[in-house]
Amino acid sequence: MSKLEGSMPVKILFVCMGNTCRSPMAQVIAQDLLASQGLSDVTTRSAGIAAHPGSRASGNAVVVVSRSGLDLSEHRSELLDEEIVAWAEVVIVMAVHHMDQVIRLGGKDKVITLSKDVPDPFGCDERVYSEVFNVLSSLIQDTLERVILDTVV
């Protein structure tokens, strides 16, 4: 992360497996937190290492984030590739094992993890999605403070 010292990253990419659950939820959580801090110039995006491009967010993810006033109804999944990794200044992965693919695609100097792996709720009930949303909310806030907000102050 030394590359970021003295400059605020403006392009953040969130990565998970299918880009229908965790990374889109992380993206909308981050957008909301950044907007609340007046950091509207920071751009976010999400992608999946095994995504089916164009897939909608999981129905349970849409429902759970909507309870917090967030919207995933227009989300369409993207497959992680070199172009998307090159676009990002910071790549935040939902699990340590996602780092390998980001590194293979040229993101070695920009990839970080959340402080712990976030379990994949794919195929689970709404309660599990809600738990994952709560975990993500906390981890994303901590990560944004560590990576971005501290560089602004």
Protein backbone atom coordinates (compact mmCIF):
# COMPACT_ATOMS: atom_id res chain seq x y z
CA MET A 1 0.00 0.00 0.00
CA SER A 2 3.01 2.32 0.05
CA LYS A 3 2.06 3.48 -3.45
CA LEU A 4 -0.97 5.23 -1.93
CA GLU A 5 0.90 7.32 0.61
CA GLY A 6 0.28 10.98 -0.02
CA SER A 7 -2.48 10.43 -2.55
CA MET A 8 -6.07 9.40 -2.16
CA PRO A 9 -7.07 6.41 -4.29
CA VAL A 10 -9.99 7.25 -6.49
CA LYS A 11 -10.80 3.89 -8.08
CA ILE A 12 -11.64 0.98 -5.79
CA LEU A 13 -12.50 -2.50 -7.03
CA PHE A 14 -14.24 -5.13 -4.88
CA VAL A 15 -13.71 -8.77 -5.88
CA CYS A 16 -15.48 -12.00 -4.93
CA MET A 17 -16.25 -15.26 -6.72
CA GLY A 18 -19.40 -14.64 -8.79
CA ASN A 19 -20.01 -10.89 -8.40
CA THR A 20 -23.64 -11.45 -7.39
CA CYS A 21 -23.43 -11.37 -3.59
CA ARG A 22 -20.44 -10.12 -1.57
CA SER A 23 -18.62 -7.75 -3.91
CA PRO A 24 -21.76 -5.92 -5.09
CA MET A 25 -22.91 -5.57 -1.47
CA ALA A 26 -19.45 -4.30 -0.53
CA GLN A 27 -19.56 -1.83 -3.42
CA VAL A 28 -22.88 -0.24 -2.43
CA ILE A 29 -21.84 -0.14 1.23
CA ALA A 30 -18.62 1.62 0.23
CA GLN A 31 -20.44 4.07 -2.04
CA ASP A 32 -22.77 4.98 0.81
CA LEU A 33 -19.92 5.42 3.32
CA LEU A 34 -17.85 7.46 0.87
CA ALA A 35 -20.79 9.74 0.06
CA SER A 36 -21.43 10.28 3.78
CA GLN A 37 -17.81 11.45 4.12
CA GLY A 38 -18.09 13.78 1.13
CA LEU A 39 -15.76 11.61 -0.94
CA SER A 40 -17.94 11.47 -4.04
CA ASP A 41 -14.87 11.59 -6.33
CA VAL A 42 -13.96 8.04 -5.34
CA THR A 43 -15.24 5.56 -7.92
CA THR A 44 -16.12 1.97 -7.04
CA ARG A 45 -16.64 -1.11 -9.11
CA SER A 46 -17.02 -4.84 -8.47
CA ALA A 47 -16.14 -8.01 -10.35
CA GLY A 48 -15.93 -11.75 -9.84
CA ILE A 49 -13.17 -14.23 -10.57
CA ALA A 50 -15.73 -16.74 -11.89
CA ALA A 51 -18.59 -14.39 -12.76
CA HIS A 52 -21.11 -14.96 -15.53
CA PRO A 53 -21.12 -11.48 -17.12
CA GLY A 54 -24.46 -9.74 -17.02
CA SER A 55 -25.94 -11.75 -14.15
CA ARG A 56 -28.11 -9.86 -11.71
CA ALA A 57 -27.31 -9.55 -8.03
CA SER A 58 -28.73 -12.34 -5.90
CA GLY A 59 -32.34 -11.69 -4.93
CA ASN A 60 -31.48 -11.98 -1.24
CA ALA A 61 -28.64 -9.48 -1.66
CA VAL A 62 -31.04 -7.01 -3.30
CA VAL A 63 -33.56 -7.41 -0.47
CA VAL A 64 -31.00 -7.15 2.34
CA VAL A 65 -29.26 -4.03 1.04
CA SER A 66 -32.59 -2.34 0.32
CA ARG A 67 -33.37 -2.46 4.05
CA SER A 68 -30.50 -0.01 4.51
CA GLY A 69 -31.69 2.23 1.71
CA LEU A 70 -29.16 0.86 -0.79
CA ASP A 71 -29.94 -0.41 -4.28
CA LEU A 72 -28.56 -3.37 -6.23
CA SER A 73 -31.45 -3.65 -8.69
CA GLU A 74 -29.36 -2.40 -11.62
CA HIS A 75 -26.23 -4.44 -10.80
CA ARG A 76 -24.88 -6.71 -13.51
CA SER A 77 -21.91 -8.95 -12.84
CA GLU A 78 -18.54 -8.48 -14.49
CA LEU A 79 -15.84 -11.10 -14.98
CA LEU A 80 -12.53 -10.00 -13.50
CA ASP A 81 -9.94 -9.43 -16.22
CA GLU A 82 -6.71 -7.50 -16.82
CA GLU A 83 -8.56 -4.38 -17.98
CA ILE A 84 -10.67 -4.17 -14.81
CA VAL A 85 -7.64 -4.77 -12.58
CA ALA A 86 -5.69 -2.09 -14.50
CA TRP A 87 -8.60 0.34 -13.98
CA ALA A 88 -8.40 0.02 -10.19
CA GLU A 89 -6.02 1.79 -7.85
CA VAL A 90 -7.01 -0.47 -4.95
CA VAL A 91 -8.44 -4.00 -5.23
CA ILE A 92 -10.21 -5.29 -2.12
CA VAL A 93 -10.87 -9.03 -2.12
CA MET A 94 -13.55 -10.75 -0.06
CA ALA A 95 -11.34 -13.77 0.69
CA VAL A 96 -7.60 -14.41 0.72
CA HIS A 97 -7.86 -17.04 -2.03
CA HIS A 98 -9.15 -14.37 -4.46
CA MET A 99 -5.78 -12.60 -4.26
CA ASP A 100 -4.05 -15.11 -6.55
CA GLN A 101 -6.26 -14.27 -9.52
CA VAL A 102 -5.88 -10.51 -8.96
CA ILE A 103 -2.09 -10.93 -8.82
CA ARG A 104 -2.11 -13.07 -12.00
CA LEU A 105 -3.99 -10.25 -13.74
CA GLY A 106 -1.39 -7.63 -12.77
CA GLY A 107 -2.73 -6.38 -9.44
CA LYS A 108 0.10 -7.43 -7.13
CA ASP A 109 0.82 -3.92 -5.84
CA LYS A 110 -2.80 -2.90 -5.36
CA VAL A 111 -4.60 -5.90 -3.84
CA ILE A 112 -5.59 -6.02 -0.18
CA THR A 113 -7.87 -8.18 1.91
CA LEU A 114 -10.49 -7.24 4.41
CA SER A 115 -9.30 -8.05 7.93
CA LYS A 116 -10.92 -11.48 7.59
CA ASP A 117 -12.54 -13.62 4.92
CA VAL A 118 -16.22 -12.96 4.33
CA PRO A 119 -18.23 -16.18 3.88
CA ASP A 120 -19.99 -16.61 0.54
CA PRO A 121 -23.78 -16.51 1.12
CA PHE A 122 -24.61 -17.77 -2.39
CA GLY A 123 -27.54 -20.17 -2.18
CA CYS A 124 -28.26 -19.37 1.47
CA ASP A 125 -31.35 -17.82 3.02
CA GLU A 126 -31.99 -14.16 3.69
CA ARG A 127 -30.80 -14.43 7.30
CA VAL A 128 -27.31 -15.46 6.13
CA TYR A 129 -27.23 -12.59 3.62
CA SER A 130 -28.18 -10.21 6.41
CA GLU A 131 -25.31 -11.52 8.56
CA VAL A 132 -22.88 -11.13 5.66
CA PHE A 133 -24.17 -7.60 5.02
CA ASN A 134 -23.53 -6.69 8.67
CA VAL A 135 -20.02 -8.17 8.57
CA LEU A 136 -19.29 -6.35 5.32
CA SER A 137 -20.58 -3.05 6.70
CA SER A 138 -18.12 -3.20 9.56
CA LEU A 139 -15.17 -4.49 7.52
CA ILE A 140 -15.69 -2.05 4.65
CA GLN A 141 -15.84 0.90 7.03
CA ASP A 142 -12.63 -0.21 8.74
CA THR A 143 -10.91 -0.84 5.41
CA LEU A 144 -11.94 2.49 3.91
CA GLU A 145 -10.71 4.30 6.99
CA ARG A 146 -7.41 2.42 6.81
CA VAL A 147 -6.88 2.89 3.09
CA ILE A 148 -8.60 6.13 2.16
CA LEU A 149 -9.90 8.32 4.94
CA ASP A 150 -6.56 8.41 6.75
CA THR A 151 -4.90 9.74 3.59
CA VAL A 152 -7.36 12.63 3.38
CA VAL A 153 -6.81 13.93 6.92
